[in-house]
N, C-alpha and C. Protein backbone atom coordinates (compact mmCIF):
# COMPACT_ATOMS: atom_id res chain seq x y z
N MET A 1 10.80 -22.22 -2.91
CA MET A 1 10.96 -21.09 -1.79
C MET A 1 9.62 -20.74 -1.23
N PHE A 2 8.64 -20.37 -1.97
CA PHE A 2 7.53 -19.99 -1.71
C PHE A 2 6.51 -20.69 -2.70
N ILE A 3 5.32 -21.21 -2.19
CA ILE A 3 4.17 -21.87 -2.81
C ILE A 3 3.91 -21.04 -3.91
N PRO A 4 3.52 -21.44 -5.09
CA PRO A 4 2.83 -20.51 -6.28
C PRO A 4 1.68 -20.04 -6.22
N SER A 5 0.88 -20.58 -5.14
CA SER A 5 -0.57 -19.98 -5.08
C SER A 5 -1.13 -20.68 -3.66
N ILE A 6 -2.08 -19.93 -3.15
CA ILE A 6 -2.79 -20.36 -1.91
C ILE A 6 -4.20 -20.24 -2.10
N SER A 7 -5.09 -21.18 -1.81
CA SER A 7 -6.54 -21.35 -2.05
C SER A 7 -7.20 -20.42 -0.97
N LYS A 8 -8.47 -20.14 -1.16
CA LYS A 8 -9.23 -19.59 -0.30
C LYS A 8 -9.24 -20.20 1.26
N GLU A 9 -9.48 -21.71 0.98
CA GLU A 9 -9.52 -22.56 2.21
C GLU A 9 -8.20 -22.31 3.05
N GLU A 10 -6.95 -22.54 2.38
CA GLU A 10 -5.96 -22.53 3.12
C GLU A 10 -5.41 -21.04 3.52
N LEU A 11 -6.05 -20.02 3.12
CA LEU A 11 -5.82 -18.69 3.41
C LEU A 11 -6.68 -18.43 4.68
N ARG A 12 -7.83 -19.06 4.92
CA ARG A 12 -8.58 -18.90 6.13
C ARG A 12 -8.03 -19.65 7.48
N LEU A 13 -7.24 -20.49 7.02
CA LEU A 13 -6.75 -21.20 8.26
C LEU A 13 -5.45 -20.35 8.91
N LEU A 14 -4.97 -19.63 8.27
CA LEU A 14 -3.85 -18.55 8.70
C LEU A 14 -4.34 -17.73 9.79
N PRO A 15 -3.41 -17.22 10.57
CA PRO A 15 -3.90 -15.90 11.70
C PRO A 15 -4.02 -14.90 10.94
N THR A 16 -4.76 -14.11 11.41
CA THR A 16 -5.02 -12.48 11.01
C THR A 16 -3.79 -11.70 11.35
N GLY A 17 -3.26 -11.07 10.18
CA GLY A 17 -2.14 -9.93 10.77
C GLY A 17 -2.68 -8.47 10.47
N GLN A 18 -2.09 -7.54 11.04
CA GLN A 18 -2.22 -6.36 11.02
C GLN A 18 -1.21 -5.55 11.44
N PHE A 19 -1.30 -4.33 11.05
CA PHE A 19 -0.30 -3.33 11.19
C PHE A 19 -0.18 -2.98 12.67
N GLN A 20 1.00 -3.06 13.44
CA GLN A 20 1.35 -2.93 14.64
C GLN A 20 1.84 -1.56 15.18
N GLY A 21 2.14 -0.56 14.08
CA GLY A 21 3.00 0.35 14.41
C GLY A 21 2.06 1.77 14.68
N GLN A 22 2.40 2.84 14.28
CA GLN A 22 1.98 4.00 14.72
C GLN A 22 0.93 4.67 13.47
N ILE A 23 -0.16 4.75 13.54
CA ILE A 23 -0.85 5.50 12.72
C ILE A 23 -1.10 6.88 12.49
N HIS A 24 -0.75 7.50 11.61
CA HIS A 24 -0.97 9.09 11.79
C HIS A 24 -1.89 9.36 10.64
N LEU A 25 -2.96 10.05 11.09
CA LEU A 25 -4.10 10.70 10.52
C LEU A 25 -3.76 12.17 9.83
N ILE A 26 -3.62 12.48 8.77
CA ILE A 26 -3.33 13.73 8.08
C ILE A 26 -4.69 14.25 7.52
N ASP A 27 -5.19 15.27 8.02
CA ASP A 27 -6.48 16.00 7.39
C ASP A 27 -6.26 17.47 7.18
N HIS A 28 -5.10 17.98 7.37
CA HIS A 28 -4.73 19.33 7.23
C HIS A 28 -3.58 19.40 6.22
N ILE A 29 -3.31 20.52 5.54
CA ILE A 29 -2.23 20.90 4.71
C ILE A 29 -0.97 20.99 5.52
N SER A 30 -1.10 21.89 6.56
CA SER A 30 0.07 21.95 7.49
C SER A 30 0.41 20.69 7.98
N LYS A 31 -0.30 19.64 8.44
CA LYS A 31 0.12 18.44 8.81
C LYS A 31 0.66 17.70 7.84
N ALA A 32 0.24 17.79 6.41
CA ALA A 32 0.75 16.97 5.29
C ALA A 32 2.21 17.74 4.92
N GLU A 33 2.18 18.84 5.11
CA GLU A 33 3.78 19.46 4.70
C GLU A 33 4.67 18.92 5.73
N HIS A 34 4.46 18.88 7.02
CA HIS A 34 5.20 18.29 8.12
C HIS A 34 5.67 16.87 7.77
N VAL A 35 4.67 16.15 7.58
CA VAL A 35 4.71 14.59 7.10
C VAL A 35 5.53 14.34 5.85
N CYS A 36 5.47 15.27 4.97
CA CYS A 36 6.15 15.22 3.58
C CYS A 36 7.64 15.35 4.15
N LYS A 37 8.16 16.18 5.11
CA LYS A 37 9.46 16.36 5.19
C LYS A 37 10.09 15.06 5.93
N ILE A 38 9.12 14.25 6.68
CA ILE A 38 9.57 13.16 7.41
C ILE A 38 9.86 12.20 6.17
N LEU A 39 8.81 12.03 5.32
CA LEU A 39 8.81 10.77 4.44
C LEU A 39 9.96 11.11 3.28
N ALA A 40 10.43 12.35 3.15
CA ALA A 40 11.42 12.64 2.08
C ALA A 40 12.80 11.88 2.62
N HIS A 41 12.78 11.39 3.81
CA HIS A 41 14.09 10.53 4.01
C HIS A 41 13.89 9.03 3.82
N GLU A 42 12.59 8.67 3.46
CA GLU A 42 12.65 7.18 3.12
C GLU A 42 12.57 6.81 1.57
N SER A 43 13.31 5.79 1.52
CA SER A 43 13.54 5.31 -0.13
C SER A 43 12.54 4.44 -0.33
N ILE A 44 11.72 3.49 0.48
CA ILE A 44 10.57 2.67 0.17
C ILE A 44 9.42 3.07 1.08
N LEU A 45 8.28 3.00 0.45
CA LEU A 45 7.03 3.07 1.03
C LEU A 45 6.10 2.19 0.55
N GLY A 46 5.29 1.79 1.45
CA GLY A 46 4.04 0.80 0.96
C GLY A 46 3.03 1.90 0.64
N PHE A 47 2.28 1.51 -0.71
CA PHE A 47 1.27 2.56 -1.00
C PHE A 47 -0.07 1.96 -1.45
N ASP A 48 -1.19 2.80 -1.06
CA ASP A 48 -2.56 2.11 -1.40
C ASP A 48 -3.40 3.41 -1.36
N THR A 49 -4.76 3.27 -1.84
CA THR A 49 -5.73 4.32 -1.67
C THR A 49 -6.94 3.55 -1.40
N GLU A 50 -7.92 4.52 -0.87
CA GLU A 50 -9.28 4.02 -0.47
C GLU A 50 -10.32 5.01 -1.17
N THR A 51 -11.23 4.61 -1.63
CA THR A 51 -12.43 5.22 -2.19
C THR A 51 -13.73 4.84 -1.56
N LYS A 52 -14.47 5.84 -1.41
CA LYS A 52 -16.05 5.35 -0.85
C LYS A 52 -16.53 4.43 -1.79
N PRO A 53 -17.12 3.52 -1.48
CA PRO A 53 -17.67 2.76 -2.50
C PRO A 53 -18.84 2.98 -3.16
N THR A 54 -19.25 2.52 -4.00
CA THR A 54 -20.47 2.96 -4.87
C THR A 54 -21.48 1.77 -4.92
N PHE A 55 -22.88 2.02 -4.61
CA PHE A 55 -23.79 1.07 -4.64
C PHE A 55 -24.82 1.48 -5.70
N THR A 56 -24.72 2.43 -6.22
CA THR A 56 -25.60 3.25 -7.18
C THR A 56 -25.14 3.24 -8.69
N LYS A 57 -25.64 2.57 -9.56
CA LYS A 57 -25.43 2.51 -10.98
C LYS A 57 -24.99 4.06 -11.35
N GLY A 58 -23.93 4.07 -12.04
CA GLY A 58 -23.51 5.47 -12.71
C GLY A 58 -22.86 6.51 -11.65
N GLN A 59 -22.88 6.17 -10.36
CA GLN A 59 -22.34 6.93 -9.38
C GLN A 59 -20.89 6.74 -9.22
N ILE A 60 -20.04 7.71 -9.25
CA ILE A 60 -18.67 7.66 -9.20
C ILE A 60 -18.13 8.56 -7.84
N HIS A 61 -17.10 7.94 -7.24
CA HIS A 61 -16.50 8.81 -6.01
C HIS A 61 -15.11 8.87 -6.32
N ARG A 62 -14.35 10.01 -5.96
CA ARG A 62 -13.36 10.35 -6.18
C ARG A 62 -12.16 9.73 -4.90
N VAL A 63 -11.02 9.48 -5.10
CA VAL A 63 -9.99 8.99 -4.00
C VAL A 63 -10.76 9.91 -2.73
N SER A 64 -10.44 9.00 -1.57
CA SER A 64 -10.90 9.68 -0.32
C SER A 64 -9.48 9.54 0.48
N LEU A 65 -8.60 8.59 0.31
CA LEU A 65 -7.58 8.41 1.21
C LEU A 65 -6.32 7.86 0.37
N LEU A 66 -5.17 8.52 0.74
CA LEU A 66 -4.02 7.92 0.33
C LEU A 66 -3.16 7.40 1.50
N GLN A 67 -2.71 5.99 1.33
CA GLN A 67 -1.85 5.48 2.31
C GLN A 67 -0.52 5.37 1.91
N LEU A 68 0.68 6.00 2.80
CA LEU A 68 2.01 5.66 2.54
C LEU A 68 2.32 5.19 3.91
N SER A 69 3.21 3.93 3.83
CA SER A 69 3.70 3.20 5.00
C SER A 69 5.22 2.84 5.00
N THR A 70 5.93 2.99 6.23
CA THR A 70 7.10 2.42 6.36
C THR A 70 6.79 1.33 7.44
N ALA A 71 7.99 0.67 7.74
CA ALA A 71 7.76 -0.42 8.62
C ALA A 71 7.16 -0.25 9.85
N THR A 72 7.41 0.97 10.36
CA THR A 72 6.77 1.44 11.64
C THR A 72 5.89 2.40 11.91
N ASP A 73 5.65 3.10 10.65
CA ASP A 73 4.71 4.42 10.73
C ASP A 73 3.78 4.17 9.46
N SER A 74 2.58 4.34 9.46
CA SER A 74 1.72 4.57 8.45
C SER A 74 0.87 5.92 8.46
N TYR A 75 0.90 6.53 7.30
CA TYR A 75 0.56 7.84 7.28
C TYR A 75 -0.74 7.71 6.14
N LEU A 76 -2.03 8.25 6.79
CA LEU A 76 -2.93 8.07 5.90
C LEU A 76 -3.54 9.75 5.61
N PHE A 77 -3.51 9.96 4.37
CA PHE A 77 -3.90 11.24 3.74
C PHE A 77 -5.30 11.35 3.46
N ARG A 78 -6.07 12.03 4.27
CA ARG A 78 -7.41 12.44 3.82
C ARG A 78 -7.53 13.36 2.70
N LEU A 79 -7.58 12.89 1.48
CA LEU A 79 -7.56 13.79 0.29
C LEU A 79 -9.07 14.28 0.23
N ASN A 80 -10.12 13.79 0.64
CA ASN A 80 -11.31 14.31 0.42
C ASN A 80 -11.49 15.62 1.45
N LYS A 81 -10.61 15.68 2.32
CA LYS A 81 -10.66 17.03 3.11
C LYS A 81 -9.67 17.90 2.74
N MET A 82 -8.44 17.52 2.03
CA MET A 82 -7.35 18.68 1.67
C MET A 82 -6.99 18.48 0.36
N GLY A 83 -7.41 17.53 -0.38
CA GLY A 83 -7.15 17.44 -1.87
C GLY A 83 -5.68 16.95 -1.86
N LEU A 84 -5.02 16.74 -3.33
CA LEU A 84 -3.79 16.37 -3.43
C LEU A 84 -2.80 17.54 -3.71
N ILE A 85 -2.04 17.70 -2.44
CA ILE A 85 -1.32 18.79 -2.67
C ILE A 85 0.21 18.79 -3.07
N GLY A 86 0.91 19.67 -2.99
CA GLY A 86 2.05 19.78 -3.82
C GLY A 86 3.11 18.83 -3.21
N CYS A 87 3.26 18.90 -1.99
CA CYS A 87 4.43 18.19 -1.27
C CYS A 87 4.07 16.47 -1.50
N VAL A 88 2.69 16.15 -1.52
CA VAL A 88 2.48 14.97 -1.53
C VAL A 88 2.59 14.38 -3.30
N LEU A 89 2.35 15.31 -4.00
CA LEU A 89 2.58 15.12 -5.51
C LEU A 89 4.09 14.92 -5.66
N GLY A 90 4.86 15.57 -4.67
CA GLY A 90 6.50 15.36 -5.04
C GLY A 90 6.78 14.03 -4.71
N ILE A 91 6.19 13.44 -3.76
CA ILE A 91 6.62 11.82 -3.46
C ILE A 91 6.02 11.05 -4.48
N LEU A 92 4.83 11.45 -4.90
CA LEU A 92 4.50 10.43 -6.01
C LEU A 92 5.02 10.54 -7.30
N SER A 93 5.80 11.47 -7.44
CA SER A 93 6.67 12.02 -8.73
C SER A 93 8.03 11.71 -8.46
N ASN A 94 8.65 11.37 -7.31
CA ASN A 94 9.98 11.17 -7.17
C ASN A 94 10.56 9.67 -7.61
N PRO A 95 11.28 9.45 -8.71
CA PRO A 95 11.83 8.33 -9.16
C PRO A 95 12.56 7.49 -8.22
N ARG A 96 13.18 8.32 -7.08
CA ARG A 96 13.94 7.65 -6.22
C ARG A 96 13.27 7.22 -5.14
N GLN A 97 12.17 7.53 -4.80
CA GLN A 97 11.36 6.97 -3.66
C GLN A 97 10.44 5.78 -4.31
N LEU A 98 10.70 4.55 -3.91
CA LEU A 98 9.94 3.31 -4.50
C LEU A 98 8.64 3.35 -3.67
N LYS A 99 7.45 3.29 -4.45
CA LYS A 99 5.98 3.29 -4.07
C LYS A 99 5.62 1.96 -4.30
N ILE A 100 5.52 0.95 -3.23
CA ILE A 100 5.04 -0.47 -3.48
C ILE A 100 3.45 -0.86 -3.28
N GLY A 101 2.85 -1.35 -4.33
CA GLY A 101 1.43 -1.39 -4.05
C GLY A 101 0.92 -2.71 -5.17
N ILE A 102 -0.52 -2.77 -5.00
CA ILE A 102 -1.30 -3.69 -5.70
C ILE A 102 -2.17 -2.85 -6.73
N ALA A 103 -2.17 -3.33 -7.84
CA ALA A 103 -2.88 -2.53 -8.97
C ALA A 103 -2.51 -1.09 -8.83
N VAL A 104 -1.48 -0.85 -8.78
CA VAL A 104 -0.68 0.67 -8.88
C VAL A 104 -1.56 1.42 -9.87
N HIS A 105 -1.61 1.06 -11.20
CA HIS A 105 -2.03 1.70 -12.29
C HIS A 105 -3.33 2.34 -11.98
N ASP A 106 -4.46 1.44 -11.26
CA ASP A 106 -5.63 1.85 -11.35
C ASP A 106 -5.60 3.05 -10.14
N ASP A 107 -4.66 3.09 -9.20
CA ASP A 107 -4.73 3.78 -8.13
C ASP A 107 -4.09 5.36 -8.75
N ILE A 108 -3.22 5.21 -9.43
CA ILE A 108 -2.53 6.46 -10.25
C ILE A 108 -3.49 7.02 -11.10
N ARG A 109 -4.34 6.42 -11.66
CA ARG A 109 -5.32 6.90 -12.49
C ARG A 109 -6.26 7.66 -11.90
N HIS A 110 -6.78 7.16 -10.82
CA HIS A 110 -7.78 7.74 -10.09
C HIS A 110 -7.32 8.94 -9.22
N LEU A 111 -6.06 8.78 -8.66
CA LEU A 111 -5.38 10.00 -8.06
C LEU A 111 -5.32 11.30 -9.16
N LYS A 112 -4.99 10.89 -10.31
CA LYS A 112 -4.63 11.93 -11.43
C LYS A 112 -6.00 12.69 -11.73
N GLN A 113 -7.16 12.15 -11.18
CA GLN A 113 -8.41 12.76 -11.33
C GLN A 113 -8.53 13.91 -10.53
N LEU A 114 -7.79 13.91 -9.34
CA LEU A 114 -7.58 15.03 -8.48
C LEU A 114 -6.77 16.06 -8.78
N HIS A 115 -5.47 15.59 -9.26
CA HIS A 115 -4.52 16.47 -9.90
C HIS A 115 -3.72 15.93 -10.96
N PRO A 116 -3.36 16.39 -11.98
CA PRO A 116 -2.36 15.73 -13.01
C PRO A 116 -0.92 15.76 -12.33
N PHE A 117 -0.24 14.48 -12.49
CA PHE A 117 1.18 14.50 -12.09
C PHE A 117 1.86 13.22 -12.90
N ARG A 118 3.23 13.44 -12.87
CA ARG A 118 3.90 12.48 -13.41
C ARG A 118 4.36 11.26 -12.43
N ALA A 119 3.78 10.05 -12.68
CA ALA A 119 3.93 8.89 -11.73
C ALA A 119 5.25 8.45 -11.95
N GLU A 120 6.19 8.52 -10.97
CA GLU A 120 7.41 7.78 -11.13
C GLU A 120 7.97 6.99 -9.73
N GLY A 121 8.55 5.74 -9.81
CA GLY A 121 8.96 5.14 -8.79
C GLY A 121 7.92 4.27 -8.21
N PHE A 122 7.08 3.72 -9.19
CA PHE A 122 5.90 2.84 -8.34
C PHE A 122 6.37 1.32 -8.81
N VAL A 123 6.21 0.44 -7.85
CA VAL A 123 6.45 -0.81 -8.26
C VAL A 123 5.15 -1.86 -7.82
N GLU A 124 4.70 -2.38 -9.21
CA GLU A 124 3.54 -3.11 -9.19
C GLU A 124 3.96 -4.64 -8.57
N LEU A 125 3.54 -5.07 -7.38
CA LEU A 125 3.68 -6.21 -6.57
C LEU A 125 3.24 -7.52 -7.62
N GLN A 126 2.10 -7.35 -8.33
CA GLN A 126 1.59 -8.14 -9.10
C GLN A 126 2.60 -8.66 -10.15
N ASP A 127 3.39 -7.87 -10.53
CA ASP A 127 4.57 -8.08 -11.62
C ASP A 127 5.89 -8.65 -10.99
N PHE A 128 6.06 -7.99 -9.72
CA PHE A 128 7.45 -8.25 -9.12
C PHE A 128 7.41 -9.59 -8.57
N VAL A 129 6.22 -10.07 -8.16
CA VAL A 129 6.42 -11.41 -7.41
C VAL A 129 6.52 -12.86 -8.48
N ARG A 130 6.24 -12.45 -9.59
CA ARG A 130 6.41 -13.36 -10.65
C ARG A 130 7.94 -14.12 -10.85
N GLN A 131 8.70 -13.32 -10.32
CA GLN A 131 10.01 -13.77 -10.61
C GLN A 131 10.47 -14.84 -9.50
N PHE A 132 9.65 -14.72 -8.31
CA PHE A 132 9.74 -15.62 -7.45
C PHE A 132 8.91 -16.91 -7.57
N GLY A 133 8.35 -16.99 -8.83
CA GLY A 133 7.37 -18.35 -9.14
C GLY A 133 6.26 -18.22 -8.26
N ILE A 134 5.70 -16.93 -7.85
CA ILE A 134 4.27 -16.96 -7.25
C ILE A 134 3.20 -16.50 -8.38
N GLU A 135 2.21 -17.17 -8.25
CA GLU A 135 1.01 -17.06 -9.32
C GLU A 135 0.15 -16.13 -8.84
N ASN A 136 -0.19 -16.13 -7.57
CA ASN A 136 -1.45 -15.30 -7.04
C ASN A 136 -0.97 -13.92 -7.09
N SER A 137 -1.92 -12.89 -7.00
CA SER A 137 -1.49 -11.47 -7.29
C SER A 137 -2.38 -10.38 -6.25
N GLY A 138 -3.31 -10.97 -5.60
CA GLY A 138 -4.08 -9.95 -4.63
C GLY A 138 -3.14 -9.90 -3.42
N LEU A 139 -3.51 -8.92 -2.89
CA LEU A 139 -2.66 -8.60 -1.61
C LEU A 139 -3.03 -9.64 -0.44
N SER A 140 -4.29 -9.98 -0.32
CA SER A 140 -4.65 -10.87 0.78
C SER A 140 -3.88 -12.19 0.49
N LYS A 141 -3.86 -12.83 -0.87
CA LYS A 141 -3.11 -14.25 -1.04
C LYS A 141 -1.55 -13.90 -0.88
N LEU A 142 -1.09 -12.85 -1.38
CA LEU A 142 0.14 -12.61 -1.55
C LEU A 142 0.93 -12.47 0.03
N SER A 143 0.05 -11.87 1.03
CA SER A 143 0.22 -11.81 2.41
C SER A 143 0.49 -13.09 3.09
N GLY A 144 -0.79 -14.25 2.49
CA GLY A 144 -0.68 -15.34 3.08
C GLY A 144 0.64 -16.25 2.40
N ILE A 145 0.98 -16.26 1.34
CA ILE A 145 2.12 -17.02 0.77
C ILE A 145 3.41 -16.25 1.46
N ILE A 146 3.64 -14.96 1.57
CA ILE A 146 4.83 -14.53 1.86
C ILE A 146 5.10 -14.16 3.25
N LEU A 147 4.07 -13.63 3.97
CA LEU A 147 4.01 -13.15 5.15
C LEU A 147 3.56 -14.06 6.30
N ASN A 148 2.70 -15.16 5.73
CA ASN A 148 2.13 -16.14 6.67
C ASN A 148 0.99 -15.60 7.33
N PHE A 149 0.21 -14.66 7.04
CA PHE A 149 -0.99 -14.25 7.83
C PHE A 149 -1.95 -13.78 6.64
N ARG A 150 -3.18 -13.87 7.02
CA ARG A 150 -4.33 -13.06 6.04
C ARG A 150 -4.59 -11.67 6.65
N ILE A 151 -5.30 -10.96 5.77
CA ILE A 151 -5.62 -9.39 6.10
C ILE A 151 -7.25 -9.52 6.05
N SER A 152 -7.71 -9.18 7.06
CA SER A 152 -9.23 -8.88 7.20
C SER A 152 -9.67 -7.85 6.20
N LYS A 153 -10.89 -8.16 5.38
CA LYS A 153 -11.20 -7.16 4.38
C LYS A 153 -12.68 -6.59 5.01
N SER A 154 -12.85 -6.61 6.42
CA SER A 154 -14.16 -6.37 6.91
C SER A 154 -14.37 -4.91 6.68
N GLN A 155 -13.25 -3.91 6.54
CA GLN A 155 -13.82 -2.62 6.31
C GLN A 155 -13.64 -1.99 4.94
N GLN A 156 -13.43 -2.90 4.23
CA GLN A 156 -13.04 -2.52 2.71
C GLN A 156 -14.33 -1.80 2.13
N LEU A 157 -15.56 -1.97 2.28
CA LEU A 157 -16.48 -1.39 1.83
C LEU A 157 -17.37 -0.41 2.81
N THR A 158 -16.54 0.19 3.66
CA THR A 158 -17.05 1.21 4.62
C THR A 158 -17.02 2.49 3.70
N ASN A 159 -17.58 3.62 4.51
CA ASN A 159 -17.49 4.86 3.98
C ASN A 159 -16.24 5.49 4.27
N TRP A 160 -15.52 5.83 3.49
CA TRP A 160 -14.06 6.65 3.30
C TRP A 160 -14.22 7.90 3.56
N GLU A 161 -15.38 8.51 3.35
CA GLU A 161 -15.40 10.04 3.36
C GLU A 161 -16.30 10.40 4.67
N ASN A 162 -16.26 9.44 5.39
CA ASN A 162 -17.03 9.74 6.82
C ASN A 162 -16.29 11.05 7.71
N GLU A 163 -17.04 11.79 8.25
CA GLU A 163 -16.30 12.88 8.92
C GLU A 163 -15.16 12.61 9.84
N GLU A 164 -15.37 11.50 10.56
CA GLU A 164 -14.37 10.75 11.27
C GLU A 164 -14.08 9.38 10.84
N LEU A 165 -12.97 9.05 10.75
CA LEU A 165 -12.53 7.49 10.27
C LEU A 165 -12.34 6.86 11.62
N THR A 166 -13.04 5.70 11.62
CA THR A 166 -13.07 4.76 12.95
C THR A 166 -11.59 4.07 12.90
N LEU A 167 -11.51 3.68 14.23
CA LEU A 167 -10.20 2.91 14.42
C LEU A 167 -9.95 1.76 13.76
N PRO A 168 -11.06 0.95 13.50
CA PRO A 168 -11.11 -0.07 12.64
C PRO A 168 -10.61 0.14 11.07
N GLN A 169 -11.23 1.40 10.63
CA GLN A 169 -10.92 1.88 9.36
C GLN A 169 -9.53 2.14 9.13
N GLN A 170 -9.09 3.07 10.11
CA GLN A 170 -7.63 3.44 9.96
C GLN A 170 -6.67 2.11 9.96
N LEU A 171 -7.06 1.11 11.01
CA LEU A 171 -6.14 0.06 10.89
C LEU A 171 -6.10 -0.67 9.63
N TYR A 172 -7.18 -0.89 9.10
CA TYR A 172 -7.40 -1.62 7.80
C TYR A 172 -6.49 -0.86 6.76
N ALA A 173 -6.64 0.47 6.72
CA ALA A 173 -6.00 1.32 5.60
C ALA A 173 -4.59 1.20 5.84
N ALA A 174 -3.96 1.25 7.02
CA ALA A 174 -2.60 1.31 7.50
C ALA A 174 -2.04 -0.16 6.96
N THR A 175 -3.06 -1.32 7.31
CA THR A 175 -2.34 -2.58 7.10
C THR A 175 -2.10 -2.83 5.75
N ASP A 176 -3.04 -2.40 4.84
CA ASP A 176 -2.98 -2.68 3.36
C ASP A 176 -1.67 -2.03 2.81
N ALA A 177 -1.32 -0.91 3.21
CA ALA A 177 -0.22 -0.13 2.57
C ALA A 177 1.17 -0.88 3.29
N TRP A 178 1.16 -1.25 4.61
CA TRP A 178 2.34 -1.78 5.19
C TRP A 178 2.36 -3.14 4.79
N ALA A 179 1.43 -4.00 4.58
CA ALA A 179 1.59 -5.31 3.94
C ALA A 179 2.48 -5.20 2.73
N ALA A 180 1.90 -4.30 1.87
CA ALA A 180 2.61 -4.08 0.53
C ALA A 180 4.19 -3.74 0.82
N PHE A 181 4.67 -3.18 1.67
CA PHE A 181 5.86 -2.70 1.94
C PHE A 181 6.57 -4.04 2.69
N GLU A 182 6.01 -4.76 3.46
CA GLU A 182 6.67 -6.09 4.08
C GLU A 182 6.78 -6.92 2.91
N ILE A 183 5.91 -7.13 2.00
CA ILE A 183 5.83 -8.20 1.03
C ILE A 183 7.22 -7.78 0.23
N TYR A 184 7.45 -6.62 -0.51
CA TYR A 184 8.48 -6.14 -1.13
C TYR A 184 9.87 -6.40 -0.39
N LYS A 185 10.01 -5.98 0.89
CA LYS A 185 11.01 -6.04 1.84
C LYS A 185 11.58 -7.43 1.96
N THR A 186 10.70 -8.34 2.00
CA THR A 186 10.79 -9.64 2.49
C THR A 186 11.45 -10.29 1.11
N LEU A 187 10.91 -10.15 -0.13
CA LEU A 187 11.29 -10.78 -1.26
C LEU A 187 12.73 -10.07 -1.79
N MET A 188 12.90 -8.72 -1.45
CA MET A 188 14.21 -8.22 -1.70
C MET A 188 15.29 -8.84 -0.95
N SER A 189 15.02 -9.10 0.22
CA SER A 189 16.03 -9.63 1.26
C SER A 189 16.46 -11.01 0.80
N ILE A 190 15.39 -11.85 0.28
CA ILE A 190 15.78 -13.16 -0.39
C ILE A 190 16.66 -12.99 -1.46
N GLU A 191 16.50 -11.85 -2.43
CA GLU A 191 16.88 -11.74 -3.79
C GLU A 191 18.58 -11.26 -3.25
N VAL A 192 18.71 -10.40 -2.32
CA VAL A 192 19.96 -10.02 -1.90
C VAL A 192 20.70 -11.11 -1.43
N ARG A 193 20.22 -12.04 -0.65
CA ARG A 193 20.85 -13.13 -0.01
C ARG A 193 21.20 -13.99 -1.16
N ASN A 194 20.34 -14.49 -2.06
CA ASN A 194 20.74 -15.39 -3.37
C ASN A 194 21.82 -14.68 -4.08
N GLU A 195 21.94 -13.47 -4.28
CA GLU A 195 23.06 -12.67 -4.96
C GLU A 195 24.31 -13.00 -4.33
N GLY A 196 24.32 -12.84 -2.91
CA GLY A 196 25.58 -13.00 -2.21
C GLY A 196 25.89 -14.50 -2.41
N LEU A 197 24.96 -15.34 -2.30
CA LEU A 197 25.41 -16.88 -2.51
C LEU A 197 26.08 -16.95 -3.78
N THR A 198 25.58 -16.38 -4.74
CA THR A 198 25.87 -16.63 -6.08
C THR A 198 27.45 -15.87 -6.31
N THR A 199 27.68 -14.93 -5.66
CA THR A 199 29.03 -14.26 -5.82
C THR A 199 30.06 -14.97 -4.79
N SER A 200 29.72 -15.56 -3.82
CA SER A 200 30.69 -16.45 -3.27
C SER A 200 31.08 -17.73 -3.76
N ASN A 201 30.16 -18.14 -4.48
CA ASN A 201 30.26 -19.44 -5.05
C ASN A 201 31.00 -19.34 -6.57
N SER A 202 31.07 -18.18 -6.90
CA SER A 202 31.75 -18.05 -8.21
C SER A 202 33.21 -17.79 -8.31
């Protein structure tokens, strides 16, 4: 159904894909609380974080940005400006809301440095894709294999603590969380179809 892996050369031949929906930048607690009420109705969210890159040995930065995405809207929480507040912690601790991402354990560990919480409802795509015979695990290669596009990483090492995030930064951050959402939904739709076929043939 899917090829098990894709080379860097094959990935480069694919068109670039990016999030096409609405990006919401949240940098105030009042905004975050409003958005949390909207997200409370979502059962599946793409998930990612961004941290200011470190170029000096021994220097460590805390998580700057938390991204949660649906199919049509991506929400960027500027944690360096408002911290990890209660309503966001509620989403991260809700076992009934699935948060889909890559290397989620690392992201969770870094988020817990801002505020302790019980992480529930997280789905690690690197593990999930194996049941579909896919061997690659990075978001770029999974996007190539499953969504048939590549993701530009040109903004990955930019400063996520800038006073204002540029539009390319916002689009990059939104795309990463959205792509995780789309990969999961695509694979789940295949799984459901296969279950339906099995049931009808039994």
